[in-house]
N, C-alpha and C. Protein backbone atom coordinates (compact mmCIF):
# COMPACT_ATOMS: atom_id res chain seq x y z
N UNK A 1 -47.95 24.52 143.40
CA UNK A 1 -47.24 25.19 142.34
C UNK A 1 -46.15 26.10 142.91
N UNK A 2 -46.40 26.68 144.08
CA UNK A 2 -45.40 27.57 144.66
C UNK A 2 -44.16 26.82 145.10
N UNK A 3 -44.31 25.55 145.43
CA UNK A 3 -43.18 24.77 145.88
C UNK A 3 -42.32 24.27 144.72
N UNK A 4 -42.97 23.84 143.62
CA UNK A 4 -42.23 23.20 142.54
C UNK A 4 -41.79 24.17 141.45
N UNK A 5 -42.35 25.36 141.38
CA UNK A 5 -41.98 26.30 140.32
C UNK A 5 -40.51 26.73 140.42
N UNK A 6 -39.97 27.09 141.57
CA UNK A 6 -38.54 27.44 141.61
C UNK A 6 -37.62 26.27 141.25
N UNK A 7 -38.01 25.06 141.66
CA UNK A 7 -37.21 23.90 141.32
C UNK A 7 -37.25 23.64 139.82
N UNK A 8 -38.40 23.78 139.21
CA UNK A 8 -38.52 23.57 137.77
C UNK A 8 -37.71 24.62 137.01
N UNK A 9 -37.74 25.85 137.46
CA UNK A 9 -36.96 26.90 136.79
C UNK A 9 -35.47 26.62 136.92
N UNK A 10 -35.03 26.19 138.09
CA UNK A 10 -33.61 25.90 138.27
C UNK A 10 -33.16 24.72 137.42
N UNK A 11 -33.99 23.71 137.26
CA UNK A 11 -33.65 22.56 136.42
C UNK A 11 -33.57 22.98 134.96
N UNK A 12 -34.51 23.82 134.52
CA UNK A 12 -34.48 24.30 133.14
C UNK A 12 -33.22 25.11 132.88
N UNK A 13 -32.85 25.98 133.82
CA UNK A 13 -31.64 26.78 133.65
C UNK A 13 -30.38 25.91 133.67
N UNK A 14 -30.37 24.86 134.49
CA UNK A 14 -29.23 23.95 134.51
C UNK A 14 -29.07 23.22 133.19
N UNK A 15 -30.17 22.78 132.62
CA UNK A 15 -30.11 22.06 131.35
C UNK A 15 -29.64 22.99 130.24
N UNK A 16 -30.17 24.20 130.21
CA UNK A 16 -29.76 25.17 129.18
C UNK A 16 -28.28 25.50 129.32
N UNK A 17 -27.82 25.71 130.55
CA UNK A 17 -26.40 26.02 130.73
C UNK A 17 -25.51 24.83 130.37
N UNK A 18 -25.95 23.61 130.65
CA UNK A 18 -25.17 22.43 130.28
C UNK A 18 -25.06 22.30 128.76
N UNK A 19 -26.13 22.61 128.06
CA UNK A 19 -26.10 22.56 126.60
C UNK A 19 -25.15 23.62 126.06
N UNK A 20 -25.21 24.83 126.61
CA UNK A 20 -24.32 25.90 126.14
C UNK A 20 -22.85 25.57 126.42
N UNK A 21 -22.58 25.00 127.57
CA UNK A 21 -21.20 24.60 127.88
C UNK A 21 -20.74 23.51 126.92
N UNK A 22 -21.60 22.55 126.65
CA UNK A 22 -21.22 21.46 125.75
C UNK A 22 -21.00 21.94 124.33
N UNK A 23 -21.74 22.96 123.91
CA UNK A 23 -21.62 23.44 122.54
C UNK A 23 -20.49 24.44 122.34
N UNK A 24 -20.18 25.25 123.35
CA UNK A 24 -19.22 26.34 123.15
C UNK A 24 -17.94 26.19 123.98
N UNK A 25 -18.05 25.86 125.24
CA UNK A 25 -16.88 25.86 126.11
C UNK A 25 -16.00 24.63 125.88
N UNK A 26 -16.62 23.46 125.78
CA UNK A 26 -15.84 22.23 125.64
C UNK A 26 -15.04 22.21 124.34
N UNK A 27 -15.61 22.57 123.18
CA UNK A 27 -14.78 22.59 121.97
C UNK A 27 -13.66 23.63 122.03
N UNK A 28 -13.91 24.76 122.65
CA UNK A 28 -12.86 25.78 122.77
C UNK A 28 -11.72 25.29 123.65
N UNK A 29 -12.04 24.65 124.77
CA UNK A 29 -10.99 24.10 125.62
C UNK A 29 -10.26 22.93 124.97
N UNK A 30 -10.97 22.16 124.16
CA UNK A 30 -10.34 21.03 123.48
C UNK A 30 -9.31 21.50 122.46
N UNK A 31 -9.56 22.63 121.81
CA UNK A 31 -8.57 23.13 120.85
C UNK A 31 -7.29 23.55 121.56
N UNK A 32 -7.39 24.05 122.78
CA UNK A 32 -6.19 24.42 123.53
C UNK A 32 -5.46 23.19 124.06
N UNK A 33 -6.21 22.18 124.48
CA UNK A 33 -5.58 21.00 125.06
C UNK A 33 -4.93 20.11 124.01
N UNK A 34 -5.54 20.01 122.84
CA UNK A 34 -5.07 19.08 121.81
C UNK A 34 -4.41 19.80 120.65
N UNK A 35 -3.70 20.87 120.90
CA UNK A 35 -3.09 21.60 119.81
C UNK A 35 -1.89 20.85 119.21
N UNK A 36 -1.31 19.90 119.96
CA UNK A 36 -0.21 19.10 119.43
C UNK A 36 -0.71 17.86 118.69
N UNK A 37 -1.97 17.59 118.76
CA UNK A 37 -2.52 16.41 118.11
C UNK A 37 -2.79 15.31 119.11
N UNK A 38 -3.52 14.34 118.68
CA UNK A 38 -3.88 13.20 119.52
C UNK A 38 -3.20 11.96 118.96
N UNK A 39 -2.52 11.23 119.83
CA UNK A 39 -1.83 10.02 119.41
C UNK A 39 -2.62 8.81 119.89
N UNK A 40 -2.87 7.91 118.98
CA UNK A 40 -3.70 6.75 119.27
C UNK A 40 -2.80 5.58 119.65
N UNK A 41 -3.16 4.88 120.70
CA UNK A 41 -2.41 3.70 121.10
C UNK A 41 -3.39 2.56 121.37
N UNK A 42 -2.93 1.35 121.07
CA UNK A 42 -3.78 0.17 121.25
C UNK A 42 -3.67 -0.34 122.68
N UNK A 43 -4.79 -0.67 123.26
CA UNK A 43 -4.84 -1.24 124.60
C UNK A 43 -4.99 -2.75 124.49
N UNK A 44 -4.33 -3.48 125.38
CA UNK A 44 -4.43 -4.94 125.33
C UNK A 44 -5.85 -5.41 125.63
N UNK A 45 -6.59 -4.63 126.41
CA UNK A 45 -7.98 -4.99 126.71
C UNK A 45 -8.83 -4.84 125.45
N UNK A 46 -8.64 -3.75 124.72
CA UNK A 46 -9.42 -3.55 123.50
C UNK A 46 -9.04 -4.53 122.41
N UNK A 47 -7.80 -4.93 122.36
CA UNK A 47 -7.39 -5.93 121.37
C UNK A 47 -8.11 -7.25 121.65
N UNK A 48 -8.17 -7.65 122.93
CA UNK A 48 -8.86 -8.90 123.29
C UNK A 48 -10.35 -8.79 123.02
N UNK A 49 -10.96 -7.64 123.36
CA UNK A 49 -12.39 -7.47 123.10
C UNK A 49 -12.70 -7.47 121.61
N UNK A 50 -11.81 -6.88 120.81
CA UNK A 50 -12.00 -6.87 119.37
C UNK A 50 -11.92 -8.29 118.81
N UNK A 51 -11.01 -9.10 119.33
CA UNK A 51 -10.90 -10.48 118.88
C UNK A 51 -12.16 -11.27 119.21
N UNK A 52 -12.68 -11.10 120.44
CA UNK A 52 -13.91 -11.78 120.85
C UNK A 52 -15.09 -11.32 119.99
N UNK A 53 -15.17 -10.01 119.73
CA UNK A 53 -16.26 -9.48 118.92
C UNK A 53 -16.21 -10.03 117.51
N UNK A 54 -15.01 -10.04 116.91
CA UNK A 54 -14.89 -10.54 115.53
C UNK A 54 -15.25 -12.02 115.45
N UNK A 55 -14.81 -12.81 116.42
CA UNK A 55 -15.16 -14.23 116.41
C UNK A 55 -16.66 -14.44 116.56
N UNK A 56 -17.28 -13.66 117.44
CA UNK A 56 -18.73 -13.76 117.60
C UNK A 56 -19.48 -13.30 116.36
N UNK A 57 -18.97 -12.27 115.71
CA UNK A 57 -19.61 -11.78 114.49
C UNK A 57 -19.51 -12.80 113.37
N UNK A 58 -18.32 -13.42 113.22
CA UNK A 58 -18.18 -14.45 112.19
C UNK A 58 -19.08 -15.64 112.48
N UNK A 59 -19.20 -16.02 113.75
CA UNK A 59 -20.08 -17.14 114.11
C UNK A 59 -21.53 -16.80 113.84
N UNK A 60 -21.92 -15.57 114.12
CA UNK A 60 -23.31 -15.16 113.87
C UNK A 60 -23.61 -15.11 112.38
N UNK A 61 -22.63 -14.69 111.60
CA UNK A 61 -22.85 -14.64 110.15
C UNK A 61 -22.87 -16.04 109.54
N UNK A 62 -22.14 -16.97 110.14
CA UNK A 62 -22.11 -18.33 109.63
C UNK A 62 -23.38 -19.09 110.01
N UNK A 63 -23.94 -18.81 111.19
CA UNK A 63 -25.14 -19.51 111.67
C UNK A 63 -26.32 -18.54 111.68
N UNK A 64 -26.73 -18.08 110.51
CA UNK A 64 -27.79 -17.08 110.43
C UNK A 64 -29.14 -17.63 110.88
N UNK A 65 -29.41 -18.89 110.59
CA UNK A 65 -30.70 -19.47 111.00
C UNK A 65 -30.82 -19.52 112.52
N UNK A 66 -29.75 -19.86 113.20
CA UNK A 66 -29.77 -19.92 114.66
C UNK A 66 -29.99 -18.53 115.24
N UNK A 67 -29.36 -17.53 114.64
CA UNK A 67 -29.51 -16.16 115.11
C UNK A 67 -30.94 -15.67 114.92
N UNK A 68 -31.52 -15.95 113.76
CA UNK A 68 -32.90 -15.52 113.48
C UNK A 68 -33.88 -16.23 114.40
N UNK A 69 -33.73 -17.54 114.57
CA UNK A 69 -34.63 -18.28 115.45
C UNK A 69 -34.48 -17.81 116.89
N UNK A 70 -33.25 -17.60 117.33
CA UNK A 70 -33.02 -17.12 118.69
C UNK A 70 -33.61 -15.74 118.92
N UNK A 71 -33.49 -14.84 117.94
CA UNK A 71 -34.06 -13.51 118.11
C UNK A 71 -35.59 -13.55 118.09
N UNK A 72 -36.16 -14.43 117.29
CA UNK A 72 -37.61 -14.57 117.28
C UNK A 72 -38.12 -15.14 118.61
N UNK A 73 -37.38 -16.10 119.17
CA UNK A 73 -37.76 -16.65 120.48
C UNK A 73 -37.66 -15.59 121.57
N UNK A 74 -36.64 -14.76 121.52
CA UNK A 74 -36.53 -13.68 122.49
C UNK A 74 -37.65 -12.66 122.32
N UNK A 75 -38.04 -12.39 121.08
CA UNK A 75 -39.13 -11.47 120.82
C UNK A 75 -40.44 -12.00 121.36
N UNK A 76 -40.71 -13.27 121.11
CA UNK A 76 -41.94 -13.88 121.60
C UNK A 76 -41.91 -13.97 123.13
N UNK A 77 -40.76 -14.33 123.68
CA UNK A 77 -40.65 -14.41 125.13
C UNK A 77 -40.81 -13.06 125.82
N UNK A 78 -40.35 -12.01 125.14
CA UNK A 78 -40.50 -10.67 125.72
C UNK A 78 -41.90 -10.17 125.60
């Protein structure tokens, strides 16, 4: 107990300080950094990923029986 107690206390203090920084410091700094606003731009990588995702989603919605059977097989296999 003498060996692990200081380590446990330091870990607890680190977690508490990380939570406090995430709740108070980061939003305050973000207001200073983004006071002009945030401009959104499309990336060619995200456009391609969105196209692949939409095609896969439409295929999954069209072949619902295959999706259900495949998920059940994965469940049983797991």
